[in-house]
Amino acid sequence: MDQKENRENLISPNLSLSSFEMGRDDVNVVCTYGKISIWFGRQVPDIVIGQILLGISNIDHSAVHELEIVCDFEEITDYEGHGYILVSYAKSKDGYRTTFNVPFSSKKALFHLAGFITEALKDKDTILDCYWTGDGSDIMRLYEELSSIEGWKLKSINYKDDAKEKNSGPIIFD
């Protein structure tokens, strides 16, 4: 069995996928149906942040990240100018509590989001949740897309509880 055929058969068609985990030491991506959760470690290079965001965009243009920010009223239009979509806002004691959708269909919005992540990493590790309509084949396509990142590997595949009854727990890759 060649390597490409092996990758295509990583997800069992007979079991219900719970999560698919991939990444490297400084970044971890966990995919499920409906959500991609990304942990960025403080040492992750900017280029890798960009590759991950663009990789998700290439697989699912409809993916979004929901971002909550407290800002001045005037800054709302700045965020919209960067391609963010205002979902809601409300006056608070510190300014305006806003919720934006960052669409993965907008390279401009992704570029700004990458800068936002880079700034956050100066203080601490960061988790970014993205919502998508991906299924098992999209997860495999994303894995293939991100496999070009240096040091990228499959970490584990987990199946739903019904699989555990068959003594089939998580599959860990090293």
Protein backbone atom coordinates (compact mmCIF):
# COMPACT_ATOMS: atom_id res chain seq x y z
CA MET A 1 0.00 0.00 0.00
CA ASP A 2 1.54 3.34 -1.03
CA GLN A 3 1.65 6.36 1.28
CA LYS A 4 -1.17 8.27 -0.50
CA GLU A 5 -3.48 5.25 -0.37
CA ASN A 6 -2.60 4.80 3.32
CA ARG A 7 -3.54 8.44 4.08
CA GLU A 8 -6.86 8.13 2.27
CA ASN A 9 -7.77 5.12 4.41
CA LEU A 10 -6.85 6.67 7.78
CA ILE A 11 -10.48 7.31 8.76
CA SER A 12 -12.48 4.11 9.09
CA PRO A 13 -15.65 4.24 6.97
CA ASN A 14 -17.28 1.76 9.41
CA LEU A 15 -16.90 3.92 12.55
CA SER A 16 -18.30 7.32 13.48
CA LEU A 17 -15.46 9.85 13.76
CA SER A 18 -15.29 11.90 16.95
CA SER A 19 -12.06 13.85 16.36
CA PHE A 20 -8.95 13.94 14.18
CA GLU A 21 -5.85 15.49 15.73
CA MET A 22 -2.82 16.70 13.78
CA GLY A 23 -0.02 19.22 14.10
CA ARG A 24 3.51 19.58 15.42
CA ASP A 25 5.09 20.46 18.76
CA ASP A 26 4.14 24.16 18.59
CA VAL A 27 0.64 23.83 17.08
CA ASN A 28 -2.22 21.37 17.47
CA VAL A 29 -5.30 21.11 15.23
CA VAL A 30 -8.31 19.08 16.34
CA CYS A 31 -11.01 18.60 13.69
CA THR A 32 -14.55 17.46 14.34
CA TYR A 33 -17.68 17.75 12.28
CA GLY A 34 -18.61 21.39 12.69
CA LYS A 35 -15.50 22.71 14.46
CA ILE A 36 -11.74 23.05 14.12
CA SER A 37 -9.91 23.93 17.34
CA ILE A 38 -6.34 25.17 16.94
CA TRP A 39 -3.85 25.55 19.79
CA PHE A 40 -0.97 27.85 18.90
CA GLY A 41 2.08 27.64 21.15
CA ARG A 42 4.02 30.82 21.81
CA GLN A 43 6.93 29.68 19.63
CA VAL A 44 4.91 28.96 16.46
CA PRO A 45 6.33 30.88 13.47
CA ASP A 46 4.09 33.45 11.75
CA ILE A 47 4.39 31.54 8.47
CA VAL A 48 2.82 28.44 10.06
CA ILE A 49 -0.11 30.50 11.38
CA GLY A 50 -0.71 31.77 7.85
CA GLN A 51 -0.37 28.31 6.30
CA ILE A 52 -2.98 26.88 8.69
CA LEU A 53 -5.50 29.69 8.15
CA LEU A 54 -5.08 29.57 4.36
CA GLY A 55 -5.21 25.76 4.42
CA ILE A 56 -8.59 25.84 6.16
CA SER A 57 -9.77 28.49 3.68
CA ASN A 58 -8.72 26.31 0.74
CA ILE A 59 -10.81 23.40 2.04
CA ASP A 60 -13.88 25.29 3.30
CA HIS A 61 -14.50 28.91 2.23
CA SER A 62 -17.57 29.03 4.46
CA ALA A 63 -15.52 28.48 7.66
CA VAL A 64 -15.66 31.33 10.20
CA HIS A 65 -14.04 32.31 13.47
CA GLU A 66 -16.22 34.17 15.97
CA LEU A 67 -14.22 36.93 17.63
CA GLU A 68 -15.35 38.92 20.67
CA ILE A 69 -13.62 42.25 21.22
CA VAL A 70 -14.20 45.20 23.53
CA CYS A 71 -13.35 48.35 21.59
CA ASP A 72 -14.29 51.97 21.00
CA PHE A 73 -17.30 52.55 18.75
CA GLU A 74 -15.08 54.06 16.03
CA GLU A 75 -12.94 50.89 15.89
CA ILE A 76 -15.93 48.79 14.78
CA THR A 77 -15.65 50.19 11.25
CA ASP A 78 -11.89 49.52 11.28
CA TYR A 79 -12.55 45.82 11.91
CA GLU A 80 -15.22 45.80 9.21
CA GLY A 81 -12.66 47.40 6.88
CA HIS A 82 -10.41 44.40 7.49
CA GLY A 83 -13.16 42.08 6.25
CA TYR A 84 -14.71 41.17 9.60
CA ILE A 85 -18.50 40.89 9.70
CA LEU A 86 -20.21 42.57 12.67
CA VAL A 87 -22.67 40.18 14.31
CA SER A 88 -23.58 42.18 17.41
CA TYR A 89 -22.44 45.00 19.67
CA ALA A 90 -23.51 46.42 23.01
CA LYS A 91 -22.32 49.29 25.16
CA SER A 92 -20.33 48.20 28.21
CA LYS A 93 -18.39 50.05 30.88
CA ASP A 94 -15.11 49.54 28.95
CA GLY A 95 -16.42 50.49 25.49
CA TYR A 96 -18.42 48.34 23.11
CA ARG A 97 -18.54 44.58 23.43
CA THR A 98 -18.58 43.37 19.84
CA THR A 99 -18.88 40.02 18.15
CA PHE A 100 -17.46 39.62 14.67
CA ASN A 101 -17.39 36.70 12.27
CA VAL A 102 -14.02 36.40 10.55
CA PRO A 103 -14.83 34.74 7.21
CA PHE A 104 -12.24 32.34 5.82
CA SER A 105 -13.42 33.37 2.35
CA SER A 106 -11.64 36.74 2.85
CA LYS A 107 -7.82 36.70 2.54
CA LYS A 108 -7.83 40.25 3.95
CA ALA A 109 -9.69 39.11 7.08
CA LEU A 110 -7.38 36.09 7.48
CA PHE A 111 -4.27 38.27 7.17
CA HIS A 112 -5.60 40.55 9.93
CA LEU A 113 -6.58 37.53 12.07
CA ALA A 114 -3.06 36.12 11.68
CA GLY A 115 -1.68 39.42 13.02
CA PHE A 116 -4.16 39.29 15.90
CA ILE A 117 -2.97 35.75 16.77
CA THR A 118 0.70 36.80 16.56
CA GLU A 119 0.04 39.66 18.99
CA ALA A 120 -1.81 37.37 21.41
CA LEU A 121 1.10 34.89 21.34
CA LYS A 122 3.43 37.53 22.79
CA ASP A 123 1.61 37.01 26.11
CA LYS A 124 0.46 33.39 26.12
CA ASP A 125 -0.49 30.32 24.09
CA THR A 126 -3.67 30.90 22.09
CA ILE A 127 -6.64 28.76 21.09
CA LEU A 128 -8.63 29.59 17.96
CA ASP A 129 -11.96 27.91 17.26
CA CYS A 130 -13.28 27.85 13.70
CA TYR A 131 -16.69 26.67 12.66
CA TRP A 132 -17.04 24.78 9.38
CA THR A 133 -19.22 22.29 7.54
CA GLY A 134 -16.42 19.73 7.11
CA ASP A 135 -16.97 15.98 7.08
CA GLY A 136 -14.56 13.02 7.06
CA SER A 137 -13.40 13.64 3.49
CA ASP A 138 -12.86 17.36 4.23
CA ILE A 139 -10.82 16.44 7.32
CA MET A 140 -8.61 14.20 5.17
CA ARG A 141 -8.29 16.96 2.54
CA LEU A 142 -7.27 19.39 5.30
CA TYR A 143 -4.71 16.90 6.61
CA GLU A 144 -3.28 16.60 3.09
CA GLU A 145 -3.28 20.41 2.69
CA LEU A 146 -1.43 20.98 5.97
CA SER A 147 0.99 18.07 5.48
CA SER A 148 3.27 20.41 3.52
CA ILE A 149 4.06 22.26 6.78
CA GLU A 150 7.46 21.20 8.08
CA GLY A 151 7.18 18.66 10.91
CA TRP A 152 3.42 18.15 10.38
CA LYS A 153 2.07 14.79 11.55
CA LEU A 154 -1.07 12.93 12.45
CA LYS A 155 -1.40 12.72 16.23
CA SER A 156 -4.58 10.73 16.90
CA ILE A 157 -7.97 9.66 15.56
CA ASN A 158 -10.85 9.21 18.00
CA TYR A 159 -14.16 7.53 17.26
CA LYS A 160 -17.49 8.02 19.01
CA ASP A 161 -18.49 5.95 22.06
CA ASP A 162 -20.16 3.20 20.04
CA ALA A 163 -16.69 2.29 18.75
CA LYS A 164 -15.38 1.83 22.30
CA GLU A 165 -17.82 -1.02 22.83
CA LYS A 166 -15.80 -2.87 20.21
CA ASN A 167 -12.60 -2.25 22.26
CA SER A 168 -11.49 0.36 19.76
CA GLY A 169 -10.31 3.42 21.67
CA PRO A 170 -8.30 6.31 20.27
CA ILE A 171 -5.67 5.55 17.68
CA ILE A 172 -2.44 7.37 18.56
CA PHE A 173 0.28 8.09 15.99
CA ASP A 174 3.89 8.87 16.84
